[in-house]
């Protein structure tokens, strides 16, 4: 059986896109992050923007450089609340203390934000901000969701190549088909894969 590519819907920042409002404990996690000092929020925002994987929505699939420059300047002037990464937790004591109760980073796996499963299926949340949307690949084959990412960086002289990559596979729950799998990627690199019965009707 050949693999079938899953479409990924590109969204705005996680805490600024209404689509993610229904994400479990959304308000509580955002509240912890929002309590941080303005300087620290700005520092985290700058860090995410500077990562090679950061692809703001207005930069995707557009070739109009003038529009790009104008939109980039507009976005950089607006401080955004970024989704908390595993490495940020020590700087957010209240969130670090509550992370277990909120179901965040339960395993020793810095990419896995959360994996929730119930009788209808699962919701998987991954931190993929180190990869561009074009470097992420999601497919379904033989009843499994395959998620992979690969990023290459070459030195200016071409003598050095650094490769960063990952691959994950999750079995589809009984009764869940490829059409039921819904994938959304926020501009700050939070990938949410929902595989639940009846998911097709919510696309």
Protein backbone atom coordinates (compact mmCIF):
# COMPACT_ATOMS: atom_id res chain seq x y z
CA UNK A 1 0.00 0.00 0.00
CA UNK A 2 1.39 3.38 -1.02
CA UNK A 3 1.55 6.21 1.50
CA UNK A 4 -0.90 9.09 1.24
CA UNK A 5 0.29 12.58 2.07
CA UNK A 6 -1.61 14.46 4.74
CA UNK A 7 -2.42 18.12 4.08
CA UNK A 8 -1.20 20.55 6.75
CA UNK A 9 -3.13 23.74 7.47
CA UNK A 10 -0.78 26.66 8.19
CA UNK A 11 -1.93 28.89 11.02
CA UNK A 12 -0.88 32.05 12.86
CA UNK A 13 1.00 32.01 16.19
CA UNK A 14 -0.46 29.35 18.51
CA UNK A 15 -1.74 31.83 21.09
CA UNK A 16 -3.03 34.23 18.43
CA UNK A 17 -5.04 31.88 16.21
CA UNK A 18 -8.67 31.11 17.20
CA UNK A 19 -8.33 27.58 15.81
CA UNK A 20 -6.23 26.52 18.83
CA UNK A 21 -8.62 27.93 21.44
CA UNK A 22 -10.09 24.45 21.95
CA UNK A 23 -6.67 22.88 22.67
CA UNK A 24 -6.86 21.30 26.14
CA UNK A 25 -5.75 23.71 28.91
CA UNK A 26 -5.08 26.43 26.32
CA UNK A 27 -6.10 29.28 28.67
CA UNK A 28 -4.12 27.95 31.63
CA UNK A 29 -0.91 27.51 29.64
CA UNK A 30 -1.26 30.94 28.04
CA UNK A 31 -1.92 32.51 31.43
CA UNK A 32 1.34 31.13 32.84
CA UNK A 33 3.30 32.46 29.85
CA UNK A 34 1.58 35.85 29.94
CA UNK A 35 2.67 36.42 33.54
CA UNK A 36 6.30 36.57 32.48
CA UNK A 37 8.05 39.91 32.33
CA UNK A 38 7.83 41.89 29.11
CA UNK A 39 11.57 41.64 28.57
CA UNK A 40 11.56 37.86 28.88
CA UNK A 41 8.58 37.50 26.56
CA UNK A 42 10.35 39.71 24.04
CA UNK A 43 13.52 37.62 24.38
CA UNK A 44 11.67 34.35 23.75
CA UNK A 45 9.79 35.88 20.83
CA UNK A 46 13.05 37.10 19.29
CA UNK A 47 14.65 33.70 19.76
CA UNK A 48 11.84 31.89 17.94
CA UNK A 49 11.87 34.43 15.12
CA UNK A 50 15.62 33.97 14.70
CA UNK A 51 15.46 30.18 14.44
CA UNK A 52 15.99 28.74 11.00
CA UNK A 53 12.64 26.99 11.21
CA UNK A 54 10.56 30.11 11.81
CA UNK A 55 8.23 30.81 8.90
CA UNK A 56 5.68 33.54 9.58
CA UNK A 57 2.43 33.10 7.69
CA UNK A 58 3.02 36.06 5.37
CA UNK A 59 6.36 34.60 4.24
CA UNK A 60 4.82 31.41 2.89
CA UNK A 61 4.16 31.04 -0.83
CA UNK A 62 4.68 34.66 -1.82
CA UNK A 63 7.26 36.17 -4.17
CA UNK A 64 6.46 39.83 -3.79
CA UNK A 65 9.55 41.15 -2.02
CA UNK A 66 8.08 44.58 -1.39
CA UNK A 67 5.11 43.06 0.37
CA UNK A 68 7.41 40.76 2.32
CA UNK A 69 9.54 43.62 3.62
CA UNK A 70 6.52 45.60 4.67
CA UNK A 71 4.86 42.67 6.41
CA UNK A 72 8.08 41.55 8.11
CA UNK A 73 8.58 45.00 9.58
CA UNK A 74 4.95 45.04 10.71
CA UNK A 75 5.24 41.64 12.38
CA UNK A 76 8.54 42.44 14.10
CA UNK A 77 6.99 45.58 15.61
CA UNK A 78 4.29 43.44 17.22
CA UNK A 79 5.46 41.30 20.12
CA UNK A 80 3.86 37.88 20.01
CA UNK A 81 3.31 35.44 22.88
CA UNK A 82 5.17 32.31 21.87
CA UNK A 83 4.24 28.78 22.85
CA UNK A 84 6.46 27.53 25.73
CA UNK A 85 9.23 25.13 24.70
CA UNK A 86 10.75 22.51 26.96
CA UNK A 87 13.92 24.59 27.40
CA UNK A 88 11.85 27.61 28.46
CA UNK A 89 10.32 25.93 31.52
CA UNK A 90 13.14 26.84 33.96
CA UNK A 91 12.42 30.50 33.14
CA UNK A 92 8.69 30.03 33.81
CA UNK A 93 8.64 28.54 37.36
CA UNK A 94 4.85 28.53 37.71
CA UNK A 95 4.44 26.65 34.43
CA UNK A 96 7.24 24.23 35.24
CA UNK A 97 5.53 23.41 38.53
CA UNK A 98 2.15 22.95 36.83
CA UNK A 99 3.43 21.21 33.68
CA UNK A 100 2.58 17.70 34.90
CA UNK A 101 -0.97 18.70 35.84
CA UNK A 102 -1.38 20.38 32.46
CA UNK A 103 0.02 17.32 30.68
CA UNK A 104 2.98 19.17 29.15
CA UNK A 105 6.33 17.52 28.43
CA UNK A 106 5.46 14.42 30.47
CA UNK A 107 8.26 12.38 28.91
CA UNK A 108 11.99 12.96 28.53
CA UNK A 109 11.35 14.01 24.96
CA UNK A 110 11.87 17.65 24.12
CA UNK A 111 9.91 17.48 20.85
CA UNK A 112 6.83 15.87 22.36
CA UNK A 113 4.67 18.56 23.93
CA UNK A 114 1.76 16.24 24.67
CA UNK A 115 0.05 13.04 23.55
CA UNK A 116 -3.57 12.60 24.61
CA UNK A 117 -5.59 9.50 23.86
CA UNK A 118 -9.21 8.55 24.54
CA UNK A 119 -11.84 6.18 23.16
CA UNK A 120 -12.28 8.31 20.01
CA UNK A 121 -8.61 8.67 19.06
CA UNK A 122 -5.67 10.91 19.90
CA UNK A 123 -4.33 14.45 19.77
CA UNK A 124 -0.59 14.80 19.28
CA UNK A 125 1.26 18.08 19.84
CA UNK A 126 4.88 18.44 18.72
CA UNK A 127 7.42 21.26 18.88
CA UNK A 128 8.71 21.56 15.30
CA UNK A 129 9.95 25.16 15.31
CA UNK A 130 13.39 24.01 14.15
CA UNK A 131 11.92 23.00 10.78
CA UNK A 132 10.32 24.97 8.00
CA UNK A 133 6.82 23.89 6.91
CA UNK A 134 8.29 22.55 3.64
CA UNK A 135 10.68 20.35 5.65
CA UNK A 136 7.87 18.55 7.47
CA UNK A 137 6.23 15.51 5.88
CA UNK A 138 3.11 13.75 7.14
CA UNK A 139 1.73 10.62 5.52
CA UNK A 140 -0.56 7.71 6.29
CA UNK A 141 0.39 4.17 5.33
CA UNK A 142 -0.80 0.77 6.55
CA UNK A 143 -2.84 2.33 9.32
CA UNK A 144 -0.01 4.47 10.66
CA UNK A 145 0.64 8.21 10.71
CA UNK A 146 4.25 8.91 9.76
CA UNK A 147 5.66 12.32 10.75
CA UNK A 148 9.15 13.32 9.70
CA UNK A 149 11.27 16.41 9.37
CA UNK A 150 14.67 17.08 7.85
CA UNK A 151 16.68 20.30 7.80
CA UNK A 152 20.08 20.80 6.17
CA UNK A 153 22.49 23.67 6.67
CA UNK A 154 25.60 24.17 4.53
CA UNK A 155 28.59 26.32 5.36
CA UNK A 156 29.35 29.16 2.97
CA UNK A 157 32.28 27.28 1.48
CA UNK A 158 30.16 24.16 1.07
CA UNK A 159 32.62 22.01 3.01
CA UNK A 160 30.35 21.42 5.99
CA UNK A 161 26.79 20.11 6.07
CA UNK A 162 24.74 19.86 9.25
CA UNK A 163 21.62 17.71 9.16
CA UNK A 164 18.85 17.77 11.74
CA UNK A 165 16.00 15.28 11.41
CA UNK A 166 13.35 13.24 13.21
CA UNK A 167 10.76 10.59 12.44
CA UNK A 168 7.74 9.40 14.41
CA UNK A 169 5.06 6.83 13.70
CA UNK A 170 1.69 6.45 15.44
CA UNK A 171 -0.93 3.77 14.79
CA UNK A 172 -4.36 5.05 13.86
CA UNK A 173 -6.95 4.13 16.51
CA UNK A 174 -9.58 1.58 15.55
CA UNK A 175 -12.31 3.18 13.46
CA UNK A 176 -10.21 6.22 12.52
CA UNK A 177 -9.37 6.63 8.83
CA UNK A 178 -6.93 8.79 6.92
CA UNK A 179 -9.79 11.22 6.20
CA UNK A 180 -10.28 11.70 9.96
CA UNK A 181 -6.72 12.95 10.51
CA UNK A 182 -6.50 16.74 10.81
CA UNK A 183 -3.12 18.51 10.99
CA UNK A 184 -2.44 22.15 11.86
CA UNK A 185 0.89 23.99 12.12
CA UNK A 186 1.20 27.30 13.94
CA UNK A 187 3.57 30.01 12.69
CA UNK A 188 5.73 29.49 15.79
CA UNK A 189 6.19 25.81 15.00
CA UNK A 190 3.58 23.94 17.05
CA UNK A 191 2.27 20.96 15.10
CA UNK A 192 -1.07 19.52 16.25
CA UNK A 193 -2.19 16.22 14.74
CA UNK A 194 -5.73 15.14 15.59
CA UNK A 195 -6.79 11.60 14.71
CA UNK A 196 -10.30 11.07 15.99
CA UNK A 197 -13.50 9.44 14.79
CA UNK A 198 -15.55 11.96 12.84
CA UNK A 199 -12.53 14.17 12.23
CA UNK A 200 -13.36 14.42 8.53
CA UNK A 201 -16.50 16.38 9.28
CA UNK A 202 -14.49 18.99 11.17
CA UNK A 203 -12.05 19.78 8.34
